[in-house]
Amino acid sequence: MNWYKKAQNINPENIFFENNHTGYHNQQNDFILYINHEDKNDSYDTYLNESPLGYIEYSEFDNEIYLNMIEVKEKFQRQGIGTLLINELKRIAGEQKINWGMMTESGYGLQQKNMN
């Protein structure tokens, strides 16, 4: 079975997010936002349920969001998982500014794609 091809067809209806508060210090809240996949009717579920598929570590300070780290499992990269994470972070942030910090080349591409 071609796992890579199957992974590209992740059903968005089976994607869910989990946002965990991990700490508070110096008036700063820290979080990890996970992206997971679950499909009880899919025999491929065991492969996909290597949850999380990816995550964002971010902090909230002075009414701004600071993106500290974004990671997507290698076999799920370049399939829109990072974009889904960023879109969920934007939803959480609302009107708050998101500061991207330092980036790899891939991170810079993701930022440019998701500036809106």
C-alpha atoms as a PDB file:
ATOM      1  CA  MET A   1       0.000   0.000   0.000  1.00  0.00           C
ATOM      2  CA  ASN A   2       1.257   3.470  -0.832  1.00  0.00           C
ATOM      3  CA  TRP A   3       1.104   5.100   2.623  1.00  0.00           C
ATOM      4  CA  TYR A   4       2.277   8.500   1.396  1.00  0.00           C
ATOM      5  CA  LYS A   5      -0.509   8.767  -1.168  1.00  0.00           C
ATOM      6  CA  LYS A   6      -3.113   7.708   1.417  1.00  0.00           C
ATOM      7  CA  ALA A   7      -1.803  10.247   3.933  1.00  0.00           C
ATOM      8  CA  GLN A   8      -2.385  13.021   1.408  1.00  0.00           C
ATOM      9  CA  ASN A   9      -6.082  12.183   1.522  1.00  0.00           C
ATOM     10  CA  ILE A  10      -6.613  12.872   5.232  1.00  0.00           C
ATOM     11  CA  ASN A  11     -10.281  13.639   5.733  1.00  0.00           C
ATOM     12  CA  PRO A  12     -10.553  17.159   7.231  1.00  0.00           C
ATOM     13  CA  GLU A  13     -13.691  16.078   9.080  1.00  0.00           C
ATOM     14  CA  ASN A  14     -11.511  13.738  11.158  1.00  0.00           C
ATOM     15  CA  ILE A  15      -9.005  16.421  12.150  1.00  0.00           C
ATOM     16  CA  PHE A  16      -9.265  17.832  15.639  1.00  0.00           C
ATOM     17  CA  PHE A  17      -7.175  20.216  17.731  1.00  0.00           C
ATOM     18  CA  GLU A  18      -6.144  20.084  21.350  1.00  0.00           C
ATOM     19  CA  ASN A  19      -4.863  23.260  22.981  1.00  0.00           C
ATOM     20  CA  ASN A  20      -3.040  22.695  26.277  1.00  0.00           C
ATOM     21  CA  HIS A  21      -1.909  25.353  28.724  1.00  0.00           C
ATOM     22  CA  THR A  22       1.585  24.302  29.807  1.00  0.00           C
ATOM     23  CA  GLY A  23       2.652  27.068  32.149  1.00  0.00           C
ATOM     24  CA  TYR A  24       2.568  30.595  33.434  1.00  0.00           C
ATOM     25  CA  HIS A  25       5.545  32.778  34.323  1.00  0.00           C
ATOM     26  CA  ASN A  26       6.356  36.487  34.277  1.00  0.00           C
ATOM     27  CA  GLN A  27       2.856  37.367  33.025  1.00  0.00           C
ATOM     28  CA  GLN A  28       3.282  34.954  30.089  1.00  0.00           C
ATOM     29  CA  ASN A  29       1.067  31.954  29.334  1.00  0.00           C
ATOM     30  CA  ASP A  30       2.567  29.023  27.415  1.00  0.00           C
ATOM     31  CA  PHE A  31       0.577  26.595  25.262  1.00  0.00           C
ATOM     32  CA  ILE A  32       0.944  23.611  22.955  1.00  0.00           C
ATOM     33  CA  LEU A  33      -1.602  23.295  20.159  1.00  0.00           C
ATOM     34  CA  TYR A  34      -1.784  19.739  18.781  1.00  0.00           C
ATOM     35  CA  ILE A  35      -3.370  18.565  15.542  1.00  0.00           C
ATOM     36  CA  ASN A  36      -4.722  15.026  15.583  1.00  0.00           C
ATOM     37  CA  HIS A  37      -6.616  12.700  13.255  1.00  0.00           C
ATOM     38  CA  GLU A  38      -9.137  10.067  14.177  1.00  0.00           C
ATOM     39  CA  ASP A  39     -11.337   7.928  11.989  1.00  0.00           C
ATOM     40  CA  LYS A  40     -12.966   4.944  13.647  1.00  0.00           C
ATOM     41  CA  ASN A  41     -14.134   3.570  10.277  1.00  0.00           C
ATOM     42  CA  ASP A  42     -10.729   3.649   8.584  1.00  0.00           C
ATOM     43  CA  SER A  43      -8.474   0.582   8.644  1.00  0.00           C
ATOM     44  CA  TYR A  44      -5.675   3.057   8.015  1.00  0.00           C
ATOM     45  CA  ASP A  45      -6.498   4.606  11.421  1.00  0.00           C
ATOM     46  CA  THR A  46      -3.585   2.894  13.174  1.00  0.00           C
ATOM     47  CA  TYR A  47      -1.133   4.656  10.881  1.00  0.00           C
ATOM     48  CA  LEU A  48      -2.799   8.052  11.159  1.00  0.00           C
ATOM     49  CA  ASN A  49      -3.328   7.854  14.888  1.00  0.00           C
ATOM     50  CA  GLU A  50       0.340   8.348  15.520  1.00  0.00           C
ATOM     51  CA  SER A  51      -1.040  11.485  17.097  1.00  0.00           C
ATOM     52  CA  PRO A  52      -0.275  14.189  17.118  1.00  0.00           C
ATOM     53  CA  LEU A  53       0.378  14.774  13.418  1.00  0.00           C
ATOM     54  CA  GLY A  54       2.014  18.034  14.449  1.00  0.00           C
ATOM     55  CA  TYR A  55       1.994  20.832  16.996  1.00  0.00           C
ATOM     56  CA  ILE A  56       2.692  24.484  17.681  1.00  0.00           C
ATOM     57  CA  GLU A  57       4.296  25.724  20.871  1.00  0.00           C
ATOM     58  CA  TYR A  58       3.312  29.318  21.494  1.00  0.00           C
ATOM     59  CA  SER A  59       3.195  31.924  24.226  1.00  0.00           C
ATOM     60  CA  GLU A  60       0.761  34.703  24.983  1.00  0.00           C
ATOM     61  CA  PHE A  61       2.248  37.853  26.463  1.00  0.00           C
ATOM     62  CA  ASP A  62       1.151  41.485  26.494  1.00  0.00           C
ATOM     63  CA  ASN A  63      -1.880  40.694  24.285  1.00  0.00           C
ATOM     64  CA  GLU A  64       0.307  39.161  21.540  1.00  0.00           C
ATOM     65  CA  ILE A  65       0.984  35.584  20.417  1.00  0.00           C
ATOM     66  CA  TYR A  66       4.590  34.431  20.061  1.00  0.00           C
ATOM     67  CA  LEU A  67       5.102  31.345  17.918  1.00  0.00           C
ATOM     68  CA  ASN A  68       8.005  29.427  19.465  1.00  0.00           C
ATOM     69  CA  MET A  69       8.001  26.173  17.485  1.00  0.00           C
ATOM     70  CA  ILE A  70       6.002  24.418  14.819  1.00  0.00           C
ATOM     71  CA  GLU A  71       6.582  20.805  13.903  1.00  0.00           C
ATOM     72  CA  VAL A  72       4.767  18.387  11.598  1.00  0.00           C
ATOM     73  CA  LYS A  73       5.740  14.731  11.452  1.00  0.00           C
ATOM     74  CA  GLU A  74       7.896  14.187   8.396  1.00  0.00           C
ATOM     75  CA  LYS A  75       5.498  11.804   6.632  1.00  0.00           C
ATOM     76  CA  PHE A  76       2.719  14.418   6.889  1.00  0.00           C
ATOM     77  CA  GLN A  77       4.752  17.432   5.743  1.00  0.00           C
ATOM     78  CA  ARG A  78       3.783  19.333   2.592  1.00  0.00           C
ATOM     79  CA  GLN A  79       0.180  18.156   2.927  1.00  0.00           C
ATOM     80  CA  GLY A  80      -1.427  21.203   4.549  1.00  0.00           C
ATOM     81  CA  ILE A  81      -1.064  20.107   8.193  1.00  0.00           C
ATOM     82  CA  GLY A  82       1.104  23.131   9.067  1.00  0.00           C
ATOM     83  CA  THR A  83      -1.404  25.433   7.396  1.00  0.00           C
ATOM     84  CA  LEU A  84      -4.247  23.862   9.387  1.00  0.00           C
ATOM     85  CA  LEU A  85      -2.264  24.476  12.582  1.00  0.00           C
ATOM     86  CA  ILE A  86      -1.598  28.104  11.647  1.00  0.00           C
ATOM     87  CA  ASN A  87      -5.258  28.667  10.769  1.00  0.00           C
ATOM     88  CA  GLU A  88      -6.330  27.262  14.135  1.00  0.00           C
ATOM     89  CA  LEU A  89      -3.785  29.479  15.907  1.00  0.00           C
ATOM     90  CA  LYS A  90      -5.170  32.490  14.020  1.00  0.00           C
ATOM     91  CA  ARG A  91      -8.669  31.533  15.162  1.00  0.00           C
ATOM     92  CA  ILE A  92      -7.468  31.291  18.772  1.00  0.00           C
ATOM     93  CA  ALA A  93      -5.531  34.563  18.509  1.00  0.00           C
ATOM     94  CA  GLY A  94      -8.484  36.536  17.187  1.00  0.00           C
ATOM     95  CA  GLU A  95      -7.320  40.133  16.881  1.00  0.00           C
ATOM     96  CA  GLN A  96      -4.013  39.481  18.657  1.00  0.00           C
ATOM     97  CA  LYS A  97      -0.857  39.902  16.589  1.00  0.00           C
ATOM     98  CA  ILE A  98       1.114  36.715  15.883  1.00  0.00           C
ATOM     99  CA  ASN A  99       4.895  37.103  16.087  1.00  0.00           C
ATOM    100  CA  TRP A 100       6.683  34.413  14.076  1.00  0.00           C
ATOM    101  CA  GLY A 101      10.167  34.734  15.606  1.00  0.00           C
ATOM    102  CA  MET A 102      13.133  33.019  13.944  1.00  0.00           C
ATOM    103  CA  MET A 103      12.348  30.590  11.118  1.00  0.00           C
ATOM    104  CA  THR A 104      13.832  27.854   9.011  1.00  0.00           C
ATOM    105  CA  GLU A 105      13.437  28.088   5.247  1.00  0.00           C
ATOM    106  CA  SER A 106      10.323  25.898   5.453  1.00  0.00           C
ATOM    107  CA  GLY A 107       8.949  28.074   8.255  1.00  0.00           C
ATOM    108  CA  TYR A 108       9.482  31.191   6.183  1.00  0.00           C
ATOM    109  CA  GLY A 109       7.539  29.618   3.305  1.00  0.00           C
ATOM    110  CA  LEU A 110       4.712  28.717   5.682  1.00  0.00           C
ATOM    111  CA  GLN A 111       4.638  32.264   7.041  1.00  0.00           C
ATOM    112  CA  GLN A 112       4.504  33.801   3.558  1.00  0.00           C
ATOM    113  CA  LYS A 113       1.675  31.454   2.582  1.00  0.00           C
ATOM    114  CA  ASN A 114      -0.324  32.346   5.720  1.00  0.00           C
ATOM    115  CA  MET A 115       0.216  36.084   6.196  1.00  0.00           C
ATOM    116  CA  ASN A 116      -3.489  36.880   5.767  1.00  0.00           C
END
